[in-house]
N, C-alpha and C. Protein backbone atom coordinates (compact mmCIF):
# COMPACT_ATOMS: atom_id res chain seq x y z
N UNK A 1 53.32 94.04 86.67
CA UNK A 1 53.08 92.59 86.26
C UNK A 1 51.99 91.96 87.24
N UNK A 2 52.29 92.02 88.61
CA UNK A 2 50.93 91.66 89.49
C UNK A 2 50.47 92.92 90.25
N UNK A 3 49.58 92.65 90.96
CA UNK A 3 48.93 93.69 91.80
C UNK A 3 49.87 94.24 92.82
N UNK A 4 50.52 93.19 93.54
CA UNK A 4 51.31 93.41 94.78
C UNK A 4 52.82 94.12 94.54
N UNK A 5 53.25 93.88 93.08
CA UNK A 5 54.57 94.42 92.89
C UNK A 5 54.56 95.32 91.75
N UNK A 6 55.53 96.27 91.91
CA UNK A 6 55.53 97.27 90.82
C UNK A 6 56.29 96.65 89.51
N UNK A 7 56.39 97.33 88.36
CA UNK A 7 57.45 96.85 87.30
C UNK A 7 58.90 97.02 87.77
N UNK A 8 59.21 98.03 88.52
CA UNK A 8 60.42 98.28 88.80
C UNK A 8 61.09 97.15 89.62
N UNK A 9 60.01 96.51 90.65
CA UNK A 9 60.52 95.46 91.60
C UNK A 9 60.62 94.25 90.90
N UNK A 10 59.61 93.89 89.69
CA UNK A 10 59.94 92.95 88.82
C UNK A 10 61.18 92.76 88.15
N UNK A 11 61.39 94.17 87.41
CA UNK A 11 62.76 94.22 86.75
C UNK A 11 63.98 93.76 87.74
N UNK A 12 63.85 94.36 89.08
CA UNK A 12 65.03 94.09 89.89
C UNK A 12 65.18 92.62 90.23
N UNK A 13 63.81 91.91 90.29
CA UNK A 13 63.94 90.42 90.56
C UNK A 13 64.48 89.66 89.53
N UNK A 14 64.16 90.07 88.11
CA UNK A 14 64.59 89.18 87.19
C UNK A 14 65.89 89.49 86.48
N UNK A 15 66.61 90.58 86.85
CA UNK A 15 67.78 90.94 86.29
C UNK A 15 69.26 90.11 87.16
N UNK A 16 69.92 89.94 86.15
CA UNK A 16 71.14 89.02 86.77
C UNK A 16 71.92 89.76 87.72
N UNK A 17 72.70 89.40 88.49
CA UNK A 17 73.64 89.95 89.65
C UNK A 17 74.58 91.17 88.96
N UNK A 18 74.70 92.12 89.67
CA UNK A 18 75.39 93.25 89.04
C UNK A 18 76.84 92.86 88.92
N UNK A 19 77.56 93.25 87.74
CA UNK A 19 78.76 92.98 87.32
C UNK A 19 79.53 94.27 87.04
N UNK A 20 80.53 94.37 87.90
CA UNK A 20 81.33 95.70 87.84
C UNK A 20 82.23 95.54 86.34
N UNK A 21 82.82 97.01 86.24
CA UNK A 21 83.61 96.99 84.93
C UNK A 21 84.83 96.13 84.79
N UNK A 22 85.25 95.73 86.01
CA UNK A 22 86.47 94.86 85.84
C UNK A 22 86.06 93.43 85.65
N UNK A 23 84.71 93.11 85.61
CA UNK A 23 84.08 91.81 85.23
C UNK A 23 83.82 90.94 86.55
N UNK A 24 84.06 91.51 87.79
CA UNK A 24 83.86 90.90 88.94
C UNK A 24 82.50 91.13 89.39
N UNK A 25 81.69 90.10 90.08
CA UNK A 25 80.44 90.49 90.48
C UNK A 25 80.49 91.21 91.69
N UNK A 26 79.40 91.87 92.00
CA UNK A 26 79.20 92.72 93.11
C UNK A 26 79.64 91.74 94.59
N UNK A 27 80.73 92.40 95.37
CA UNK A 27 80.97 91.64 96.42
C UNK A 27 80.11 91.58 97.52
N UNK A 28 79.29 92.84 97.84
CA UNK A 28 78.53 92.96 98.83
C UNK A 28 77.16 92.17 98.68
N UNK A 29 77.24 90.97 99.27
CA UNK A 29 76.35 90.02 99.32
C UNK A 29 75.31 90.03 100.49
N UNK A 30 73.98 90.31 100.17
CA UNK A 30 73.25 90.54 101.58
C UNK A 30 72.92 89.29 102.19
N UNK A 31 72.61 89.38 103.43
CA UNK A 31 72.28 88.16 104.27
C UNK A 31 70.70 88.25 104.10
N UNK A 32 69.93 87.02 103.94
CA UNK A 32 68.51 86.88 103.64
C UNK A 32 68.23 85.60 104.44
N UNK A 33 67.08 85.77 104.83
CA UNK A 33 66.57 84.82 105.97
C UNK A 33 65.89 83.70 104.93
N UNK A 34 65.63 82.67 105.60
CA UNK A 34 64.90 81.41 105.03
C UNK A 34 63.63 81.92 104.23
N UNK A 35 62.84 82.55 105.09
CA UNK A 35 61.52 83.22 104.56
C UNK A 35 61.64 83.89 103.44
N UNK A 36 62.66 84.60 103.19
CA UNK A 36 62.65 85.46 102.25
C UNK A 36 63.09 84.69 100.80
N UNK A 37 63.66 83.71 101.02
CA UNK A 37 63.96 82.75 99.93
C UNK A 37 62.76 82.06 99.41
N UNK A 38 61.87 81.78 100.45
CA UNK A 38 60.70 81.04 100.20
C UNK A 38 59.71 82.00 99.52
N UNK A 39 59.86 83.36 100.06
CA UNK A 39 58.81 84.33 99.38
C UNK A 39 59.38 84.53 97.88
N UNK A 40 60.68 84.58 97.54
CA UNK A 40 60.96 84.60 96.30
C UNK A 40 60.67 83.48 95.34
N UNK A 41 60.85 82.48 95.99
CA UNK A 41 60.72 81.08 95.04
C UNK A 41 59.03 81.02 94.68
N UNK A 42 58.26 81.41 95.67
CA UNK A 42 56.77 81.47 95.62
C UNK A 42 56.16 82.49 94.58
N UNK A 43 57.05 83.70 94.79
CA UNK A 43 56.59 84.77 93.72
C UNK A 43 57.02 84.27 92.48
N UNK A 44 58.15 83.66 92.09
CA UNK A 44 58.56 83.27 90.68
C UNK A 44 57.74 82.39 90.04
N UNK A 45 57.31 81.39 91.09
CA UNK A 45 56.44 80.19 90.85
C UNK A 45 55.10 80.73 90.29
N UNK A 46 54.59 81.84 90.84
CA UNK A 46 53.32 82.42 90.67
C UNK A 46 53.53 83.01 89.16
N UNK A 47 54.55 83.73 88.99
CA UNK A 47 54.79 84.35 87.73
C UNK A 47 54.86 83.48 86.56
N UNK A 48 55.60 82.53 86.80
CA UNK A 48 55.68 81.19 85.80
C UNK A 48 54.38 80.82 85.60
N UNK A 49 53.51 80.39 86.44
CA UNK A 49 52.32 79.77 86.02
C UNK A 49 51.36 80.90 85.41
N UNK A 50 51.48 82.12 85.66
CA UNK A 50 50.62 82.97 84.96
C UNK A 50 51.31 83.29 83.36
N UNK A 51 52.58 83.18 83.14
CA UNK A 51 53.16 83.31 81.82
C UNK A 51 52.71 81.88 81.02
N UNK A 52 52.56 81.05 81.86
CA UNK A 52 52.30 79.66 81.10
C UNK A 52 50.93 79.77 80.57
N UNK A 53 50.03 80.27 81.37
CA UNK A 53 48.44 80.55 81.08
C UNK A 53 48.50 81.37 80.06
N UNK A 54 49.29 82.40 79.87
CA UNK A 54 49.25 83.42 78.77
C UNK A 54 49.88 82.77 77.35
N UNK A 55 50.77 81.92 77.70
CA UNK A 55 51.22 81.16 76.44
C UNK A 55 50.42 80.33 75.74
N UNK A 56 49.63 79.67 76.67
CA UNK A 56 48.45 78.77 76.15
C UNK A 56 47.42 79.80 75.41
N UNK A 57 47.20 80.84 75.80
CA UNK A 57 46.35 81.50 75.22
C UNK A 57 46.75 82.19 73.83
N UNK A 58 48.10 82.46 73.65
CA UNK A 58 48.60 83.00 72.65
C UNK A 58 48.56 82.15 71.51
N UNK A 59 48.21 82.82 70.22
CA UNK A 59 47.98 81.75 69.03
C UNK A 59 49.28 81.45 68.61
N UNK A 60 49.20 80.16 68.00
CA UNK A 60 50.60 79.51 67.43
C UNK A 60 51.21 80.33 66.40
N UNK A 61 50.46 81.04 65.77
CA UNK A 61 50.96 81.89 64.67
C UNK A 61 51.88 83.25 65.15
N UNK A 62 51.50 83.59 66.35
CA UNK A 62 52.21 84.76 66.79
C UNK A 62 53.81 84.11 67.58
N UNK A 63 54.55 84.03 66.62
CA UNK A 63 55.72 83.54 67.07
C UNK A 63 56.63 84.46 67.96
N UNK A 64 56.60 85.72 67.69
CA UNK A 64 57.25 86.77 68.65
C UNK A 64 56.89 86.70 70.10
N UNK A 65 55.67 86.53 70.26
CA UNK A 65 54.90 86.58 71.54
C UNK A 65 55.30 85.25 72.24
N UNK A 66 55.22 84.17 71.58
CA UNK A 66 55.33 82.82 72.07
C UNK A 66 56.81 82.72 72.60
N UNK A 67 57.85 83.15 71.72
CA UNK A 67 59.34 83.23 72.21
C UNK A 67 59.71 84.02 73.14
N UNK A 68 58.78 85.28 73.15
CA UNK A 68 59.31 86.08 74.46
C UNK A 68 58.66 85.68 75.63
N UNK A 69 57.46 84.85 75.55
CA UNK A 69 57.09 84.35 76.89
C UNK A 69 57.82 83.24 77.26
N UNK A 70 58.28 82.26 76.29
CA UNK A 70 59.24 81.18 76.52
C UNK A 70 60.37 81.41 77.21
N UNK A 71 61.03 82.49 76.61
CA UNK A 71 62.23 83.27 77.26
C UNK A 71 62.02 83.76 78.76
N UNK A 72 60.92 84.07 78.82
CA UNK A 72 60.80 84.88 80.28
C UNK A 72 60.59 83.68 81.24
N UNK A 73 59.87 82.79 80.78
CA UNK A 73 59.81 81.48 81.70
C UNK A 73 61.10 80.88 81.99
N UNK A 74 61.88 80.77 80.91
CA UNK A 74 63.42 79.96 81.16
C UNK A 74 64.18 80.98 82.11
N UNK A 75 64.15 82.20 81.85
CA UNK A 75 64.67 83.11 82.80
C UNK A 75 64.21 83.06 84.36
N UNK A 76 63.06 82.97 84.49
CA UNK A 76 62.32 83.01 85.89
C UNK A 76 62.93 81.70 86.37
N UNK A 77 62.77 80.61 85.63
CA UNK A 77 63.01 79.17 86.26
C UNK A 77 64.63 79.30 86.49
N UNK A 78 65.47 79.83 85.88
CA UNK A 78 67.03 79.82 85.97
C UNK A 78 67.11 80.63 87.45
N UNK A 79 66.39 81.92 87.36
CA UNK A 79 66.60 82.53 88.76
C UNK A 79 66.15 81.91 89.92
N UNK A 80 65.02 81.22 89.87
CA UNK A 80 64.63 80.36 90.95
C UNK A 80 65.40 79.24 91.36
N UNK A 81 65.96 78.68 90.35
CA UNK A 81 67.01 77.50 90.59
C UNK A 81 68.24 78.24 91.31
N UNK A 82 68.81 79.32 91.08
CA UNK A 82 69.87 80.23 91.65
C UNK A 82 69.53 80.47 93.11
N UNK A 83 68.10 80.87 93.41
CA UNK A 83 67.68 81.29 94.85
C UNK A 83 67.75 79.82 95.67
N UNK A 84 67.21 78.68 94.93
CA UNK A 84 67.37 77.57 95.72
C UNK A 84 68.68 77.12 96.07
N UNK A 85 69.68 77.25 95.11
CA UNK A 85 71.22 76.91 95.42
C UNK A 85 71.59 77.72 96.46
N UNK A 86 71.41 79.14 96.53
CA UNK A 86 71.75 79.93 97.73
C UNK A 86 71.16 79.67 98.91
N UNK A 87 69.80 79.16 98.90
CA UNK A 87 69.20 78.76 100.11
C UNK A 87 69.65 77.46 100.82
N UNK A 88 70.12 76.55 99.96
CA UNK A 88 70.70 75.16 100.43
C UNK A 88 72.18 75.09 100.76
N UNK A 89 73.06 76.10 100.52
CA UNK A 89 74.28 76.01 100.89
C UNK A 89 74.52 77.17 101.80
N UNK A 90 75.65 76.79 102.81
CA UNK A 90 76.03 77.50 103.87
C UNK A 90 76.77 78.86 103.34
N UNK A 91 77.38 78.78 102.16
CA UNK A 91 77.97 80.11 101.83
C UNK A 91 76.94 80.96 101.05
N UNK A 92 75.78 80.50 100.72
CA UNK A 92 74.60 81.28 100.10
C UNK A 92 74.97 81.98 98.82
N UNK A 93 74.82 83.19 98.51
CA UNK A 93 75.02 83.77 97.27
C UNK A 93 76.51 83.88 96.81
N UNK A 94 77.37 83.58 97.66
CA UNK A 94 78.71 83.40 97.23
C UNK A 94 78.81 82.19 96.44
N UNK A 95 78.19 80.96 96.85
CA UNK A 95 78.16 79.87 96.02
C UNK A 95 77.59 80.02 94.57
N UNK A 96 76.55 80.93 94.66
CA UNK A 96 75.98 81.30 93.21
C UNK A 96 76.84 81.83 92.49
N UNK A 97 77.47 82.86 93.08
CA UNK A 97 78.45 83.65 92.34
C UNK A 97 79.36 82.76 91.60
N UNK A 98 80.15 82.02 92.53
CA UNK A 98 80.97 81.13 91.96
C UNK A 98 80.48 80.23 90.83
N UNK A 99 79.38 79.59 90.94
CA UNK A 99 78.45 78.64 90.20
C UNK A 99 78.48 79.49 88.94
N UNK A 100 77.88 80.82 88.98
CA UNK A 100 77.45 81.45 87.74
C UNK A 100 79.05 81.74 87.06
N UNK A 101 80.07 81.94 87.77
CA UNK A 101 81.22 82.28 86.90
C UNK A 101 81.85 81.07 86.41
N UNK A 102 81.48 79.68 86.62
CA UNK A 102 81.94 78.56 86.21
C UNK A 102 81.17 78.44 84.98
N UNK A 103 81.55 78.39 83.71
CA UNK A 103 80.58 78.06 82.63
C UNK A 103 80.58 76.64 82.37
N UNK A 104 81.23 75.83 83.08
CA UNK A 104 81.27 74.48 82.79
C UNK A 104 79.87 73.71 83.34
N UNK A 105 79.30 74.67 84.29
CA UNK A 105 77.88 74.00 84.82
C UNK A 105 76.88 73.79 83.96
N UNK A 106 76.25 72.64 83.67
CA UNK A 106 75.26 72.48 82.59
C UNK A 106 73.94 71.79 83.40
N UNK A 107 72.82 71.81 82.95
CA UNK A 107 71.77 71.18 83.63
C UNK A 107 71.94 69.79 83.95
N UNK A 108 72.41 68.97 82.98
CA UNK A 108 72.76 67.49 83.42
C UNK A 108 73.82 67.21 84.37
N UNK A 109 74.77 68.04 84.43
CA UNK A 109 75.73 67.64 85.45
C UNK A 109 75.95 68.87 86.50
N UNK A 110 74.76 69.27 87.03
CA UNK A 110 74.73 70.46 87.95
C UNK A 110 75.40 70.22 89.34
N UNK A 111 75.13 69.03 89.80
CA UNK A 111 75.65 68.75 91.13
C UNK A 111 76.99 68.82 91.34
N UNK A 112 77.91 68.48 90.58
CA UNK A 112 79.36 68.59 90.73
C UNK A 112 79.94 69.87 90.75
N UNK A 113 79.74 70.61 89.68
CA UNK A 113 79.90 71.98 89.66
C UNK A 113 79.33 72.70 90.80
N UNK A 114 78.23 72.50 91.23
CA UNK A 114 77.48 73.30 92.39
C UNK A 114 78.31 73.15 93.73
N UNK A 115 78.84 71.57 93.88
CA UNK A 115 79.56 71.47 95.02
C UNK A 115 81.00 72.26 94.95
N UNK A 116 81.69 72.28 93.65
CA UNK A 116 82.92 72.91 93.60
C UNK A 116 82.66 74.35 93.82
N UNK A 117 81.61 74.86 93.15
CA UNK A 117 81.38 76.36 93.44
C UNK A 117 81.24 76.63 95.03
N UNK A 118 80.42 75.58 95.64
CA UNK A 118 80.19 75.87 97.05
C UNK A 118 81.79 76.01 97.86
N UNK A 119 82.56 75.01 97.55
CA UNK A 119 83.94 74.81 98.09
C UNK A 119 84.73 76.03 97.89
N UNK A 120 84.59 76.57 96.67
CA UNK A 120 85.40 77.85 96.32
C UNK A 120 84.86 79.03 97.14
N UNK A 121 83.62 78.98 97.20
CA UNK A 121 82.79 80.29 97.89
C UNK A 121 83.26 80.00 99.36
N UNK A 122 83.15 78.84 99.90
CA UNK A 122 83.72 78.83 101.55
C UNK A 122 85.14 79.24 101.61
N UNK A 123 85.85 78.82 100.47
CA UNK A 123 87.45 79.01 100.68
C UNK A 123 87.55 80.37 100.51
N UNK A 124 86.92 81.20 99.86
CA UNK A 124 87.03 82.66 99.35
C UNK A 124 86.65 83.44 100.89
N UNK A 125 85.50 82.96 101.41
CA UNK A 125 85.10 83.56 102.86
C UNK A 125 86.32 83.20 103.84
N UNK A 126 86.89 82.14 103.95
CA UNK A 126 87.77 81.90 104.83
C UNK A 126 89.08 82.74 104.62
N UNK A 127 89.40 82.84 103.37
CA UNK A 127 90.53 83.82 103.02
C UNK A 127 90.25 85.22 103.38
N UNK A 128 89.00 85.68 103.35
CA UNK A 128 88.78 86.93 103.58
C UNK A 128 88.79 87.26 104.94
N UNK A 129 88.41 86.01 105.72
CA UNK A 129 88.46 86.31 107.28
C UNK A 129 89.81 86.33 107.76
N UNK A 130 90.73 85.68 107.13
CA UNK A 130 92.19 85.39 107.58
C UNK A 130 93.09 85.61 106.29
N UNK A 131 93.30 86.67 105.69
CA UNK A 131 94.18 86.78 104.58
C UNK A 131 95.50 86.55 104.66
N UNK A 132 96.19 86.71 105.99
CA UNK A 132 97.53 86.23 106.38
C UNK A 132 97.86 85.03 105.99
N UNK A 133 97.18 83.99 106.19
CA UNK A 133 97.09 82.37 105.81
C UNK A 133 97.59 82.34 104.48
N UNK A 134 96.59 82.78 103.70
CA UNK A 134 96.78 82.73 102.27
C UNK A 134 98.27 83.38 101.80
N UNK A 135 98.43 84.37 102.30
CA UNK A 135 99.79 85.17 101.99
C UNK A 135 100.95 84.23 102.39
N UNK A 136 100.98 83.67 103.64
CA UNK A 136 101.99 82.91 104.03
C UNK A 136 102.22 81.70 103.25
N UNK A 137 101.09 81.03 103.03
CA UNK A 137 101.35 79.88 102.04
C UNK A 137 101.95 80.15 101.06
N UNK A 138 101.47 81.06 100.19
CA UNK A 138 102.00 81.35 98.97
C UNK A 138 103.54 81.70 99.06
N UNK A 139 104.04 82.67 99.97
CA UNK A 139 105.27 82.93 100.10
C UNK A 139 106.21 81.61 100.52
N UNK A 140 105.78 80.88 101.53
CA UNK A 140 106.42 79.34 101.60
C UNK A 140 106.48 78.62 100.39
N UNK A 141 105.57 78.64 99.75
CA UNK A 141 105.66 77.64 98.47
C UNK A 141 106.57 78.27 97.41
N UNK A 142 106.46 79.61 97.38
CA UNK A 142 107.49 80.14 96.36
C UNK A 142 109.06 79.85 96.89
N UNK A 143 109.10 80.01 98.19
CA UNK A 143 110.59 79.91 98.93
C UNK A 143 111.11 78.60 98.48
N UNK A 144 110.21 77.47 98.87
CA UNK A 144 110.52 76.28 98.62
C UNK A 144 110.70 75.93 97.19
N UNK A 145 110.13 76.32 96.26
CA UNK A 145 110.25 76.26 94.88
C UNK A 145 111.60 76.59 94.12
N UNK A 146 112.19 77.75 94.95
CA UNK A 146 113.26 78.44 94.31
C UNK A 146 114.52 78.23 95.29
N UNK A 147 114.41 77.30 96.05
CA UNK A 147 115.76 76.79 96.82
C UNK A 147 116.57 75.96 95.80
N UNK A 148 117.93 76.34 96.16
CA UNK A 148 118.91 75.90 95.26
C UNK A 148 119.52 74.65 96.00
N UNK A 149 119.68 73.44 95.53
CA UNK A 149 120.25 72.27 96.07
C UNK A 149 121.62 72.12 95.74
């Protein structure tokens, strides 16, 4: 696609996160620096601008090419949005994974689902750090529920 990147790199950057057979997304989330996020977003912005130029040059009668280019632009913009969400939240890509799993997120109401996804991601991180607290809470709750009066 560009001089600096191979087609394989472009494919990796454009693909969605890996989903395992069980339906759960990959749990190994890499730690990425702020400079890397800026690099990704500028890379995607450059590709979008080139695709928009190509879209303007494509004839209106060539529906297949126009639709393909529009689809690529939408996909890249969505990926750029996910990168920005990961960059702005303390939980990073865990927030994005929670956000992606929540089908209620829409463009008009992104802020609330994004915050909810972030809190779920932070809760998951805390549970992984100290899993016994969660187990104890569950056991206590079940014991209190089944007490006979």
